[in-house]
Amino acid sequence: MRFHLFDRIEEICRWKYITGIKCISLSDDVFNEHFPGYPIFPGSLILEGLAQISGSFFEIIMQQEENRIKRAVLTVVREFKIKKPAGPGDSLLYRAEIITRNNDYGVTGVSAMINNELCAKGELMFNFIDPPNEKIGQSREELYAIVTRQTQYSDY
């Protein structure tokens, strides 16, 4: 991943949901042009953050179960809606809940909240593929070691 659109994973409830945080800062490059004098975090980046947290959820759980990382590749976005704009100083609470999962694909219901208010929601589908080389798998393991340092895990 060249850019990361979540800062940490808060909680993983195995095969049920994951939550994570994205802290939006005025120093984010996107605000240079989106929009001068009225900075708004682009909805496409909120969608990407939700896709990253959802894909990470599938990858982390598959690694724990199968002892190897498969890549979760976003293939379908359904009914994604931005309900409230996000800007500098906001913290987005991302949540992804598993709707369905098998060996080849998975679907999550996703939402982003700001101060307990719905910011965005939708449904995302992922296909699972083997990484094309070991370097990609290793980079994912390094990323997950960083963002899960304070993660709470549960099985309920």
N, C-alpha and C. Protein backbone atom coordinates (compact mmCIF):
# COMPACT_ATOMS: atom_id res chain seq x y z
N MET A 1 0.84 -1.17 0.00
CA MET A 1 0.00 0.00 0.00
C MET A 1 0.89 1.23 0.00
N ARG A 2 0.72 2.11 -0.95
CA ARG A 2 1.55 3.30 -1.02
C ARG A 2 1.12 4.35 -0.01
N PHE A 3 -0.16 4.47 0.20
CA PHE A 3 -0.65 5.42 1.20
C PHE A 3 -1.66 4.71 2.08
N HIS A 4 -1.66 5.10 3.33
CA HIS A 4 -2.50 4.43 4.32
C HIS A 4 -3.59 5.40 4.77
N LEU A 5 -4.82 4.96 4.69
CA LEU A 5 -5.93 5.83 5.03
C LEU A 5 -6.65 5.40 6.30
N PHE A 6 -5.93 4.69 7.15
CA PHE A 6 -6.36 4.51 8.54
C PHE A 6 -5.09 4.52 9.37
N ASP A 7 -5.21 5.02 10.60
CA ASP A 7 -4.03 5.17 11.45
C ASP A 7 -3.81 3.99 12.38
N ARG A 8 -4.88 3.38 12.81
CA ARG A 8 -4.74 2.22 13.69
C ARG A 8 -6.03 1.41 13.67
N ILE A 9 -5.87 0.14 14.03
CA ILE A 9 -7.01 -0.75 14.17
C ILE A 9 -7.34 -0.80 15.66
N GLU A 10 -8.56 -0.46 16.00
CA GLU A 10 -8.99 -0.42 17.39
C GLU A 10 -9.39 -1.79 17.92
N GLU A 11 -10.24 -2.49 17.15
CA GLU A 11 -10.80 -3.75 17.65
C GLU A 11 -11.07 -4.70 16.48
N ILE A 12 -10.82 -5.96 16.74
CA ILE A 12 -11.18 -7.01 15.80
C ILE A 12 -12.00 -8.04 16.56
N CYS A 13 -13.22 -8.24 16.13
CA CYS A 13 -14.06 -9.31 16.66
C CYS A 13 -14.12 -10.34 15.53
N ARG A 14 -13.45 -11.42 15.75
CA ARG A 14 -13.19 -12.44 14.73
C ARG A 14 -14.44 -12.81 13.92
N TRP A 15 -14.33 -12.65 12.64
CA TRP A 15 -15.37 -12.96 11.65
C TRP A 15 -16.68 -12.20 11.87
N LYS A 16 -16.62 -11.11 12.67
CA LYS A 16 -17.82 -10.29 12.85
C LYS A 16 -17.56 -8.86 12.38
N TYR A 17 -16.60 -8.17 13.02
CA TYR A 17 -16.35 -6.77 12.65
C TYR A 17 -14.94 -6.34 13.01
N ILE A 18 -14.57 -5.20 12.45
CA ILE A 18 -13.31 -4.53 12.75
C ILE A 18 -13.62 -3.04 12.87
N THR A 19 -12.90 -2.35 13.76
CA THR A 19 -13.00 -0.90 13.84
C THR A 19 -11.61 -0.31 13.76
N GLY A 20 -11.52 0.88 13.20
CA GLY A 20 -10.25 1.57 13.08
C GLY A 20 -10.46 3.07 13.06
N ILE A 21 -9.37 3.80 13.20
CA ILE A 21 -9.41 5.25 13.29
C ILE A 21 -8.58 5.88 12.17
N LYS A 22 -9.11 6.95 11.60
CA LYS A 22 -8.36 7.83 10.69
C LYS A 22 -8.46 9.23 11.27
N CYS A 23 -7.33 9.80 11.66
CA CYS A 23 -7.29 11.17 12.17
C CYS A 23 -6.95 12.09 11.00
N ILE A 24 -7.85 13.00 10.71
CA ILE A 24 -7.65 13.91 9.58
C ILE A 24 -6.94 15.17 10.07
N SER A 25 -5.88 15.53 9.38
CA SER A 25 -5.07 16.69 9.77
C SER A 25 -5.01 17.71 8.64
N LEU A 26 -4.96 18.97 9.00
CA LEU A 26 -4.85 20.03 8.00
C LEU A 26 -3.58 19.88 7.17
N SER A 27 -2.58 19.17 7.71
CA SER A 27 -1.33 18.97 6.97
C SER A 27 -1.44 17.88 5.90
N ASP A 28 -2.57 17.15 5.84
CA ASP A 28 -2.76 16.17 4.77
C ASP A 28 -2.68 16.87 3.42
N ASP A 29 -1.89 16.31 2.51
CA ASP A 29 -1.66 16.94 1.20
C ASP A 29 -2.93 17.27 0.44
N VAL A 30 -3.96 16.49 0.65
CA VAL A 30 -5.18 16.64 -0.12
C VAL A 30 -5.81 18.03 0.05
N PHE A 31 -5.54 18.70 1.18
CA PHE A 31 -6.19 19.98 1.44
C PHE A 31 -5.57 21.14 0.68
N ASN A 32 -4.46 20.91 -0.01
CA ASN A 32 -3.88 21.98 -0.84
C ASN A 32 -4.85 22.42 -1.92
N GLU A 33 -5.65 21.49 -2.43
CA GLU A 33 -6.56 21.82 -3.53
C GLU A 33 -7.99 21.39 -3.29
N HIS A 34 -8.29 20.82 -2.15
CA HIS A 34 -9.64 20.28 -1.93
C HIS A 34 -10.22 20.81 -0.63
N PHE A 35 -10.72 21.87 -0.49
CA PHE A 35 -10.84 23.03 -1.35
C PHE A 35 -10.20 24.21 -0.63
N PRO A 36 -9.46 25.07 -1.32
CA PRO A 36 -8.82 26.21 -0.65
C PRO A 36 -9.86 27.06 0.09
N GLY A 37 -9.59 27.31 1.36
CA GLY A 37 -10.50 28.11 2.17
C GLY A 37 -11.64 27.32 2.78
N TYR A 38 -11.90 26.12 2.28
CA TYR A 38 -12.96 25.26 2.82
C TYR A 38 -12.51 23.81 2.67
N PRO A 39 -11.59 23.37 3.53
CA PRO A 39 -11.01 22.03 3.36
C PRO A 39 -12.01 20.92 3.67
N ILE A 40 -12.19 20.03 2.70
CA ILE A 40 -13.05 18.86 2.85
C ILE A 40 -12.24 17.63 2.47
N PHE A 41 -12.27 16.63 3.32
CA PHE A 41 -11.60 15.37 3.03
C PHE A 41 -12.42 14.65 1.95
N PRO A 42 -11.81 14.31 0.82
CA PRO A 42 -12.57 13.72 -0.29
C PRO A 42 -13.30 12.43 0.07
N GLY A 43 -14.52 12.31 -0.38
CA GLY A 43 -15.31 11.10 -0.15
C GLY A 43 -14.63 9.87 -0.72
N SER A 44 -13.91 10.04 -1.83
CA SER A 44 -13.22 8.89 -2.42
C SER A 44 -12.13 8.35 -1.49
N LEU A 45 -11.54 9.23 -0.67
CA LEU A 45 -10.53 8.77 0.28
C LEU A 45 -11.16 8.12 1.51
N ILE A 46 -12.37 8.56 1.87
CA ILE A 46 -13.11 7.87 2.93
C ILE A 46 -13.44 6.46 2.45
N LEU A 47 -13.91 6.35 1.22
CA LEU A 47 -14.19 5.04 0.64
C LEU A 47 -12.93 4.18 0.63
N GLU A 48 -11.82 4.74 0.23
CA GLU A 48 -10.56 3.99 0.19
C GLU A 48 -10.15 3.55 1.59
N GLY A 49 -10.31 4.40 2.58
CA GLY A 49 -9.99 4.03 3.96
C GLY A 49 -10.85 2.87 4.44
N LEU A 50 -12.14 2.92 4.11
CA LEU A 50 -13.04 1.82 4.47
C LEU A 50 -12.66 0.54 3.73
N ALA A 51 -12.25 0.67 2.48
CA ALA A 51 -11.80 -0.50 1.72
C ALA A 51 -10.52 -1.08 2.33
N GLN A 52 -9.61 -0.21 2.74
CA GLN A 52 -8.37 -0.68 3.34
C GLN A 52 -8.62 -1.40 4.66
N ILE A 53 -9.48 -0.85 5.49
CA ILE A 53 -9.74 -1.49 6.79
C ILE A 53 -10.48 -2.82 6.58
N SER A 54 -11.41 -2.85 5.62
CA SER A 54 -12.13 -4.10 5.32
C SER A 54 -11.19 -5.16 4.77
N GLY A 55 -10.38 -4.78 3.79
CA GLY A 55 -9.43 -5.72 3.21
C GLY A 55 -8.44 -6.23 4.25
N SER A 56 -8.00 -5.33 5.12
CA SER A 56 -7.08 -5.72 6.19
C SER A 56 -7.73 -6.73 7.12
N PHE A 57 -9.01 -6.53 7.39
CA PHE A 57 -9.76 -7.44 8.26
C PHE A 57 -9.71 -8.85 7.69
N PHE A 58 -10.07 -8.99 6.42
CA PHE A 58 -10.04 -10.32 5.80
C PHE A 58 -8.62 -10.90 5.82
N GLU A 59 -7.63 -10.09 5.49
CA GLU A 59 -6.26 -10.58 5.41
C GLU A 59 -5.73 -11.02 6.77
N ILE A 60 -6.00 -10.24 7.80
CA ILE A 60 -5.52 -10.59 9.14
C ILE A 60 -6.15 -11.88 9.62
N ILE A 61 -7.45 -12.01 9.45
CA ILE A 61 -8.14 -13.22 9.91
C ILE A 61 -7.69 -14.44 9.11
N MET A 62 -7.56 -14.28 7.78
CA MET A 62 -7.10 -15.42 6.97
C MET A 62 -5.69 -15.83 7.37
N GLN A 63 -4.83 -14.84 7.67
CA GLN A 63 -3.47 -15.17 8.09
C GLN A 63 -3.49 -15.95 9.40
N GLN A 64 -4.33 -15.55 10.33
CA GLN A 64 -4.42 -16.26 11.61
C GLN A 64 -4.92 -17.68 11.42
N GLU A 65 -5.87 -17.87 10.51
CA GLU A 65 -6.45 -19.20 10.31
C GLU A 65 -5.58 -20.09 9.42
N GLU A 66 -5.02 -19.50 8.37
CA GLU A 66 -4.31 -20.30 7.38
C GLU A 66 -2.80 -20.13 7.45
N ASN A 67 -2.33 -19.24 8.33
CA ASN A 67 -0.91 -18.96 8.52
C ASN A 67 -0.24 -18.43 7.26
N ARG A 68 -0.99 -17.72 6.44
CA ARG A 68 -0.42 -17.04 5.27
C ARG A 68 -1.36 -15.91 4.87
N ILE A 69 -0.79 -14.95 4.21
CA ILE A 69 -1.59 -13.79 3.81
C ILE A 69 -2.07 -13.96 2.38
N LYS A 70 -3.35 -13.81 2.19
CA LYS A 70 -3.93 -13.65 0.86
C LYS A 70 -4.24 -12.17 0.74
N ARG A 71 -4.31 -11.67 -0.47
CA ARG A 71 -4.67 -10.27 -0.69
C ARG A 71 -6.16 -10.18 -0.92
N ALA A 72 -6.78 -9.22 -0.26
CA ALA A 72 -8.19 -8.91 -0.48
C ALA A 72 -8.23 -7.72 -1.45
N VAL A 73 -8.77 -7.96 -2.63
CA VAL A 73 -8.80 -6.95 -3.69
C VAL A 73 -10.23 -6.46 -3.87
N LEU A 74 -10.44 -5.16 -3.71
CA LEU A 74 -11.77 -4.57 -3.85
C LEU A 74 -12.27 -4.76 -5.28
N THR A 75 -13.47 -5.33 -5.42
CA THR A 75 -14.02 -5.59 -6.75
C THR A 75 -15.36 -4.92 -7.00
N VAL A 76 -16.16 -4.69 -5.94
CA VAL A 76 -17.49 -4.10 -6.12
C VAL A 76 -17.77 -3.13 -4.97
N VAL A 77 -18.30 -1.96 -5.31
CA VAL A 77 -18.79 -0.99 -4.33
C VAL A 77 -20.28 -0.86 -4.57
N ARG A 78 -21.08 -1.09 -3.51
CA ARG A 78 -22.53 -1.00 -3.64
C ARG A 78 -23.08 0.08 -2.73
N GLU A 79 -23.94 0.90 -3.27
CA GLU A 79 -24.73 1.87 -2.51
C GLU A 79 -23.89 2.68 -1.52
N PHE A 80 -22.73 3.15 -1.95
CA PHE A 80 -21.89 3.97 -1.07
C PHE A 80 -22.40 5.40 -1.08
N LYS A 81 -22.61 5.94 0.13
CA LYS A 81 -23.14 7.29 0.26
C LYS A 81 -22.35 8.07 1.30
N ILE A 82 -22.06 9.32 0.98
CA ILE A 82 -21.46 10.24 1.94
C ILE A 82 -22.61 11.02 2.56
N LYS A 83 -22.73 10.97 3.86
CA LYS A 83 -23.83 11.63 4.57
C LYS A 83 -23.42 12.96 5.19
N LYS A 84 -22.13 13.11 5.49
CA LYS A 84 -21.63 14.30 6.18
C LYS A 84 -20.18 14.52 5.77
N PRO A 85 -19.80 15.77 5.47
CA PRO A 85 -18.40 16.01 5.10
C PRO A 85 -17.46 15.87 6.30
N ALA A 86 -16.22 15.50 6.03
CA ALA A 86 -15.18 15.39 7.04
C ALA A 86 -14.09 16.40 6.71
N GLY A 87 -13.44 16.91 7.73
CA GLY A 87 -12.40 17.90 7.50
C GLY A 87 -11.33 17.84 8.57
N PRO A 88 -10.39 18.77 8.50
CA PRO A 88 -9.28 18.79 9.46
C PRO A 88 -9.78 18.82 10.90
N GLY A 89 -9.15 18.01 11.74
CA GLY A 89 -9.53 17.91 13.14
C GLY A 89 -10.51 16.80 13.43
N ASP A 90 -11.15 16.26 12.39
CA ASP A 90 -12.09 15.16 12.58
C ASP A 90 -11.35 13.84 12.72
N SER A 91 -11.91 12.95 13.51
CA SER A 91 -11.45 11.56 13.58
C SER A 91 -12.56 10.69 13.02
N LEU A 92 -12.25 9.94 12.01
CA LEU A 92 -13.21 9.02 11.42
C LEU A 92 -13.09 7.68 12.14
N LEU A 93 -14.20 7.18 12.63
CA LEU A 93 -14.24 5.83 13.19
C LEU A 93 -14.79 4.93 12.10
N TYR A 94 -13.91 4.10 11.56
CA TYR A 94 -14.30 3.16 10.51
C TYR A 94 -14.79 1.87 11.15
N ARG A 95 -15.81 1.27 10.54
CA ARG A 95 -16.30 -0.03 11.00
C ARG A 95 -16.67 -0.85 9.77
N ALA A 96 -16.25 -2.09 9.76
CA ALA A 96 -16.61 -3.03 8.70
C ALA A 96 -17.15 -4.28 9.35
N GLU A 97 -18.32 -4.70 8.92
CA GLU A 97 -18.95 -5.92 9.43
C GLU A 97 -19.06 -6.92 8.29
N ILE A 98 -18.69 -8.14 8.58
CA ILE A 98 -18.75 -9.17 7.54
C ILE A 98 -20.20 -9.54 7.26
N ILE A 99 -20.56 -9.49 5.99
CA ILE A 99 -21.88 -9.93 5.54
C ILE A 99 -21.79 -11.36 5.06
N THR A 100 -20.76 -11.65 4.27
CA THR A 100 -20.54 -13.01 3.80
C THR A 100 -19.06 -13.21 3.51
N ARG A 101 -18.62 -14.48 3.60
CA ARG A 101 -17.23 -14.80 3.29
C ARG A 101 -17.13 -16.26 2.93
N ASN A 102 -16.36 -16.56 1.87
CA ASN A 102 -15.99 -17.93 1.56
C ASN A 102 -14.53 -17.92 1.13
N ASN A 103 -14.03 -18.97 0.52
CA ASN A 103 -12.61 -19.03 0.17
C ASN A 103 -12.21 -18.08 -0.94
N ASP A 104 -13.16 -17.65 -1.77
CA ASP A 104 -12.84 -16.84 -2.93
C ASP A 104 -13.18 -15.36 -2.80
N TYR A 105 -14.15 -15.03 -1.97
CA TYR A 105 -14.56 -13.62 -1.86
C TYR A 105 -15.21 -13.36 -0.51
N GLY A 106 -15.35 -12.06 -0.19
CA GLY A 106 -16.03 -11.64 1.03
C GLY A 106 -16.73 -10.31 0.80
N VAL A 107 -17.76 -10.06 1.59
CA VAL A 107 -18.53 -8.82 1.49
C VAL A 107 -18.63 -8.21 2.89
N THR A 108 -18.42 -6.88 2.97
CA THR A 108 -18.57 -6.18 4.24
C THR A 108 -19.57 -5.04 4.10
N GLY A 109 -20.27 -4.77 5.18
CA GLY A 109 -21.04 -3.55 5.33
C GLY A 109 -20.14 -2.58 6.06
N VAL A 110 -19.97 -1.37 5.53
CA VAL A 110 -19.02 -0.43 6.10
C VAL A 110 -19.70 0.87 6.50
N SER A 111 -19.10 1.52 7.51
CA SER A 111 -19.58 2.84 7.90
C SER A 111 -18.41 3.65 8.45
N ALA A 112 -18.54 4.97 8.34
CA ALA A 112 -17.59 5.91 8.93
C ALA A 112 -18.40 6.88 9.78
N MET A 113 -17.94 7.09 10.99
CA MET A 113 -18.64 7.98 11.93
C MET A 113 -17.71 9.12 12.34
N ILE A 114 -18.30 10.28 12.58
CA ILE A 114 -17.60 11.42 13.16
C ILE A 114 -18.42 11.84 14.38
N ASN A 115 -17.82 11.76 15.56
CA ASN A 115 -18.53 12.14 16.80
C ASN A 115 -19.90 11.48 16.89
N ASN A 116 -19.96 10.20 16.66
CA ASN A 116 -21.20 9.41 16.74
C ASN A 116 -22.24 9.78 15.69
N GLU A 117 -21.86 10.52 14.67
CA GLU A 117 -22.76 10.83 13.56
C GLU A 117 -22.27 10.10 12.31
N LEU A 118 -23.21 9.52 11.57
CA LEU A 118 -22.86 8.79 10.35
C LEU A 118 -22.30 9.75 9.31
N CYS A 119 -21.13 9.43 8.82
CA CYS A 119 -20.47 10.22 7.78
C CYS A 119 -20.62 9.54 6.42
N ALA A 120 -20.45 8.21 6.39
CA ALA A 120 -20.53 7.48 5.13
C ALA A 120 -20.91 6.03 5.41
N LYS A 121 -21.51 5.38 4.42
CA LYS A 121 -21.84 3.96 4.56
C LYS A 121 -21.99 3.33 3.19
N GLY A 122 -21.88 2.01 3.17
CA GLY A 122 -22.01 1.27 1.92
C GLY A 122 -21.70 -0.20 2.12
N GLU A 123 -21.50 -0.88 1.02
CA GLU A 123 -21.20 -2.31 1.02
C GLU A 123 -20.06 -2.54 0.04
N LEU A 124 -19.06 -3.34 0.47
CA LEU A 124 -17.88 -3.58 -0.35
C LEU A 124 -17.68 -5.08 -0.54
N MET A 125 -17.29 -5.46 -1.75
CA MET A 125 -16.99 -6.87 -2.05
C MET A 125 -15.53 -6.99 -2.45
N PHE A 126 -14.89 -8.06 -1.97
CA PHE A 126 -13.48 -8.32 -2.23
C PHE A 126 -13.29 -9.72 -2.78
N ASN A 127 -12.37 -9.88 -3.72
CA ASN A 127 -11.90 -11.20 -4.13
C ASN A 127 -10.59 -11.45 -3.41
N PHE A 128 -10.30 -12.71 -3.09
CA PHE A 128 -9.07 -13.08 -2.40
C PHE A 128 -8.12 -13.72 -3.40
N ILE A 129 -6.89 -13.19 -3.44
CA ILE A 129 -5.88 -13.71 -4.36
C ILE A 129 -4.58 -13.96 -3.59
N ASP A 130 -3.75 -14.83 -4.14
CA ASP A 130 -2.43 -15.03 -3.57
C ASP A 130 -1.55 -13.86 -4.00
N PRO A 131 -0.70 -13.35 -3.08
CA PRO A 131 0.21 -12.25 -3.46
C PRO A 131 1.13 -12.70 -4.59
N PRO A 132 1.43 -11.81 -5.53
CA PRO A 132 2.27 -12.19 -6.66
C PRO A 132 3.72 -12.48 -6.29
N ASN A 133 4.17 -11.97 -5.13
CA ASN A 133 5.52 -12.28 -4.68
C ASN A 133 5.61 -12.14 -3.15
N GLU A 134 6.70 -12.64 -2.59
CA GLU A 134 6.86 -12.65 -1.13
C GLU A 134 7.01 -11.26 -0.55
N LYS A 135 7.59 -10.32 -1.31
CA LYS A 135 7.81 -8.97 -0.79
C LYS A 135 6.49 -8.30 -0.41
N ILE A 136 5.45 -8.55 -1.19
CA ILE A 136 4.15 -7.95 -0.89
C ILE A 136 3.60 -8.54 0.41
N GLY A 137 3.70 -9.83 0.57
CA GLY A 137 3.24 -10.46 1.80
C GLY A 137 4.01 -9.95 3.01
N GLN A 138 5.31 -9.79 2.87
CA GLN A 138 6.14 -9.28 3.96
C GLN A 138 5.78 -7.85 4.31
N SER A 139 5.52 -7.02 3.30
CA SER A 139 5.16 -5.62 3.57
C SER A 139 3.83 -5.54 4.31
N ARG A 140 2.90 -6.43 3.98
CA ARG A 140 1.62 -6.45 4.67
C ARG A 140 1.80 -6.86 6.13
N GLU A 141 2.64 -7.85 6.38
CA GLU A 141 2.90 -8.27 7.75
C GLU A 141 3.50 -7.13 8.57
N GLU A 142 4.43 -6.37 7.97
CA GLU A 142 5.04 -5.23 8.66
C GLU A 142 3.99 -4.16 8.97
N LEU A 143 3.13 -3.88 8.02
CA LEU A 143 2.06 -2.89 8.23
C LEU A 143 1.15 -3.33 9.37
N TYR A 144 0.71 -4.58 9.35
CA TYR A 144 -0.21 -5.07 10.38
C TYR A 144 0.45 -5.08 11.75
N ALA A 145 1.74 -5.32 11.82
CA ALA A 145 2.44 -5.28 13.11
C ALA A 145 2.37 -3.87 13.70
N ILE A 146 2.41 -2.85 12.86
CA ILE A 146 2.36 -1.47 13.33
C ILE A 146 0.95 -1.06 13.74
N VAL A 147 -0.03 -1.28 12.87
CA VAL A 147 -1.38 -0.75 13.11
C VAL A 147 -2.19 -1.57 14.12
N THR A 148 -1.69 -2.75 14.49
CA THR A 148 -2.43 -3.57 15.46
C THR A 148 -1.77 -3.61 16.84
N ARG A 149 -0.82 -2.73 17.09
CA ARG A 149 -0.11 -2.75 18.38
C ARG A 149 -1.05 -2.60 19.57
N GLN A 150 -2.12 -1.82 19.41
CA GLN A 150 -3.04 -1.58 20.53
C GLN A 150 -4.42 -2.19 20.28
N THR A 151 -4.51 -3.10 19.34
CA THR A 151 -5.79 -3.69 18.96
C THR A 151 -6.31 -4.64 20.02
N GLN A 152 -7.61 -4.55 20.28
CA GLN A 152 -8.27 -5.50 21.16
C GLN A 152 -8.90 -6.58 20.28
N TYR A 153 -8.65 -7.83 20.63
CA TYR A 153 -9.20 -8.97 19.89
C TYR A 153 -10.27 -9.65 20.73
N SER A 154 -11.32 -10.11 20.06
CA SER A 154 -12.34 -10.91 20.75
C SER A 154 -12.94 -11.90 19.77
N ASP A 155 -13.59 -12.93 20.31
CA ASP A 155 -14.22 -13.96 19.48
C ASP A 155 -15.73 -13.94 19.56
N TYR A 156 -16.34 -13.01 20.26
CA TYR A 156 -17.80 -13.02 20.43
C TYR A 156 -18.50 -12.23 19.39
